[in-house]
C-alpha cells in the first residue's frame, strides 16, 4: 500500500537486503525522493520507491519496506533532508538499521569526496558484474551521470541513480 513502490522480487526468507535512500523535500517542484533495495548476496535490485515524499514520509515508507525485507539495513544520503530521515529513524527505534558511511557516522556524507567514493564503488560492481538492475529509469539515470560532476545533466534527474549507488555502498559496508 505504499504509492510509488515497485517490487521486482519479494523478500525471501533467510536472505539479507540493504537499501539506499536519497531524500528530497517532497514539494511538487522538488526532486523525487528515491529508495532502492538490493539483495546483499547477489547485488540484484529487489524493489524501489520513487515519489514526491517529505523526509518524514520517506522515513516511514523506508522503515516499512526495510521491515518487510527482513529488517534491511539502510544507507541514507546525509544531506539536509537526509538528516531529517536519519533523525526520524533514530527517534523511532530504527537506529540499529542505519549504516555508517565513509565518515563513520550514520548515512553517506554528501560531499565531493562522498560522490567520488559513491560512484567509484558503483562503477566497480558493474565492471565486476556484481549487480542486476530491473528498473529502466534507474539504469537510464545511472548512464546519464556526468563524469566531471557525478551528477545528471542540468534539468535531468539523478535520484534513482543516487539511491542505487547508496545501496551499493551500503552493501559494501555489510560484506
Protein backbone atom coordinates (compact mmCIF):
# COMPACT_ATOMS: atom_id res chain seq x y z
CA UNK A 1 0.00 0.00 0.00
CA UNK A 2 2.95 2.34 -0.49
CA UNK A 3 2.49 4.63 -3.52
CA UNK A 4 5.44 4.63 -5.88
CA UNK A 5 6.76 1.23 -4.71
CA UNK A 6 7.85 -1.20 -7.45
CA UNK A 7 8.63 -4.74 -6.31
CA UNK A 8 10.77 -6.88 -8.62
CA UNK A 9 11.33 -9.71 -6.11
CA UNK A 10 9.51 -10.04 -2.79
CA UNK A 11 11.67 -10.78 0.25
CA UNK A 12 12.92 -14.33 0.57
CA UNK A 13 13.26 -16.00 3.93
CA UNK A 14 16.81 -16.07 5.32
CA UNK A 15 18.10 -13.52 2.79
CA UNK A 16 19.60 -10.18 3.70
CA UNK A 17 18.92 -6.89 1.98
CA UNK A 18 20.20 -3.33 2.01
CA UNK A 19 18.52 -0.10 0.97
CA UNK A 20 19.89 3.19 -0.33
CA UNK A 21 17.86 6.35 0.24
CA UNK A 22 18.10 9.75 -1.48
CA UNK A 23 15.61 12.06 0.19
CA UNK A 24 14.17 15.29 -1.17
CA UNK A 25 11.88 18.00 0.17
CA UNK A 26 8.63 16.49 -1.05
CA UNK A 27 7.26 19.55 -2.85
CA UNK A 28 5.69 19.24 -6.31
CA UNK A 29 8.57 21.30 -7.72
CA UNK A 30 11.35 19.44 -5.87
CA UNK A 31 13.33 16.38 -6.87
CA UNK A 32 11.92 12.94 -6.16
CA UNK A 33 12.76 11.05 -3.03
CA UNK A 34 14.07 7.63 -4.06
CA UNK A 35 14.97 4.39 -2.31
CA UNK A 36 16.48 1.27 -3.84
CA UNK A 37 16.71 -2.09 -2.09
CA UNK A 38 19.10 -4.81 -3.25
CA UNK A 39 19.85 -8.38 -2.27
CA UNK A 40 23.00 -8.42 -0.16
CA UNK A 41 24.40 -11.65 -1.64
CA UNK A 42 23.70 -11.01 -5.32
CA UNK A 43 23.53 -7.21 -5.62
CA UNK A 44 20.24 -7.61 -7.50
CA UNK A 45 17.66 -4.83 -7.27
CA UNK A 46 14.57 -6.20 -5.49
CA UNK A 47 12.44 -3.06 -5.24
CA UNK A 48 12.46 0.70 -5.46
CA UNK A 49 10.39 3.59 -4.23
CA UNK A 50 10.13 6.93 -6.02
CA UNK A 51 7.88 9.90 -5.33
CA UNK A 52 7.39 13.41 -4.00
CA UNK A 53 7.68 12.42 -0.33
CA UNK A 54 8.61 14.62 2.59
CA UNK A 55 11.51 13.41 4.73
CA UNK A 56 9.11 12.07 7.38
CA UNK A 57 7.02 10.18 4.84
CA UNK A 58 10.20 8.86 3.22
CA UNK A 59 11.41 7.62 6.62
CA UNK A 60 8.07 5.93 7.37
CA UNK A 61 7.90 4.24 3.95
CA UNK A 62 11.54 3.11 4.12
CA UNK A 63 11.10 1.71 7.63
CA UNK A 64 8.12 -0.36 6.41
CA UNK A 65 9.97 -1.60 3.33
CA UNK A 66 13.09 -2.39 5.38
CA UNK A 67 10.96 -4.28 7.90
CA UNK A 68 9.38 -6.31 5.09
CA UNK A 69 12.80 -7.08 3.61
CA UNK A 70 13.95 -8.92 6.74
CA UNK A 71 14.97 -5.75 8.61
CA UNK A 72 17.18 -4.48 5.80
CA UNK A 73 19.94 -2.06 6.72
CA UNK A 74 19.75 1.44 5.26
CA UNK A 75 22.36 3.76 3.77
CA UNK A 76 20.83 7.22 3.66
CA UNK A 77 22.38 10.21 1.94
CA UNK A 78 23.50 12.51 4.72
CA UNK A 79 22.39 15.91 3.45
CA UNK A 80 19.74 18.43 4.58
CA UNK A 81 16.70 16.22 4.04
CA UNK A 82 18.60 13.02 4.71
CA UNK A 83 19.40 14.23 8.23
CA UNK A 84 15.67 14.51 8.85
CA UNK A 85 15.16 10.91 7.67
CA UNK A 86 18.04 9.68 9.83
CA UNK A 87 16.67 11.63 12.81
CA UNK A 88 13.17 10.16 12.39
CA UNK A 89 14.55 6.63 12.16
CA UNK A 90 16.74 7.15 15.24
CA UNK A 91 13.84 8.68 17.20
CA UNK A 92 11.54 5.80 16.30
CA UNK A 93 13.71 2.82 17.21
CA UNK A 94 15.43 2.11 13.91
CA UNK A 95 18.93 3.36 14.69
CA UNK A 96 20.28 -0.21 14.55
CA UNK A 97 19.22 -0.39 10.91
CA UNK A 98 21.30 2.63 9.87
CA UNK A 99 24.62 2.05 8.18
CA UNK A 100 27.59 4.34 8.67
CA UNK A 101 29.27 5.87 5.67
CA UNK A 102 32.85 6.83 4.90
CA UNK A 103 32.96 9.27 7.83
CA UNK A 104 31.85 6.59 10.35
CA UNK A 105 28.54 8.38 11.03
CA UNK A 106 25.02 7.26 10.17
CA UNK A 107 24.41 7.91 6.49
CA UNK A 108 26.57 8.68 3.49
CA UNK A 109 28.06 12.15 3.63
CA UNK A 110 27.05 14.13 0.57
CA UNK A 111 30.30 15.86 -0.39
CA UNK A 112 32.72 15.91 -3.30
CA UNK A 113 34.70 13.03 -1.76
CA UNK A 114 31.46 11.21 -0.94
CA UNK A 115 30.27 11.43 -4.55
CA UNK A 116 33.60 10.13 -5.87
CA UNK A 117 33.60 7.17 -3.46
CA UNK A 118 29.91 6.52 -4.16
CA UNK A 119 30.25 6.32 -7.93
CA UNK A 120 33.64 4.56 -7.86
CA UNK A 121 32.01 1.74 -5.89
CA UNK A 122 29.04 1.68 -8.26
CA UNK A 123 31.27 1.58 -11.35
CA UNK A 124 33.21 -1.31 -9.81
CA UNK A 125 30.13 -3.52 -9.25
CA UNK A 126 29.11 -3.04 -12.88
CA UNK A 127 32.62 -3.80 -14.08
CA UNK A 128 32.68 -6.98 -11.95
CA UNK A 129 29.07 -7.85 -12.92
CA UNK A 130 28.01 -7.98 -9.26
CA UNK A 131 24.65 -6.27 -9.67
CA UNK A 132 21.42 -6.54 -11.64
CA UNK A 133 19.09 -3.61 -12.34
CA UNK A 134 15.42 -4.18 -13.11
CA UNK A 135 14.23 -0.57 -13.30
CA UNK A 136 14.83 1.01 -16.72
CA UNK A 137 14.62 4.58 -15.38
CA UNK A 138 17.29 3.79 -12.77
CA UNK A 139 19.55 2.43 -15.49
CA UNK A 140 18.90 5.49 -17.65
CA UNK A 141 19.77 7.82 -14.78
CA UNK A 142 22.94 5.89 -13.96
CA UNK A 143 24.06 6.07 -17.58
CA UNK A 144 23.42 9.82 -17.66
CA UNK A 145 25.71 10.65 -14.70
CA UNK A 146 28.37 13.01 -16.00
CA UNK A 147 31.94 12.04 -15.20
CA UNK A 148 33.05 15.61 -14.45
CA UNK A 149 30.29 16.40 -11.94
CA UNK A 150 28.99 12.96 -10.87
CA UNK A 151 25.50 14.38 -11.34
CA UNK A 152 22.85 14.19 -14.03
CA UNK A 153 22.95 16.79 -16.78
CA UNK A 154 21.21 20.04 -15.85
CA UNK A 155 17.45 19.55 -15.98
CA UNK A 156 17.65 15.75 -15.63
CA UNK A 157 17.02 13.68 -12.52
CA UNK A 158 19.58 11.52 -10.69
CA UNK A 159 17.61 10.50 -7.58
CA UNK A 160 17.18 6.86 -8.60
CA UNK A 161 20.85 6.70 -9.61
CA UNK A 162 21.93 8.10 -6.24
CA UNK A 163 19.67 5.74 -4.27
CA UNK A 164 21.01 2.78 -6.26
CA UNK A 165 24.60 3.87 -5.64
CA UNK A 166 23.83 4.33 -1.93
CA UNK A 167 22.50 0.75 -1.81
CA UNK A 168 25.74 -0.40 -3.45
CA UNK A 169 27.97 1.30 -0.86
CA UNK A 170 25.64 0.04 1.87
CA UNK A 171 26.18 -3.47 0.54
CA UNK A 172 29.96 -2.96 0.68
CA UNK A 173 29.64 -1.86 4.31
CA UNK A 174 27.77 -5.07 5.15
CA UNK A 175 30.02 -7.54 3.28
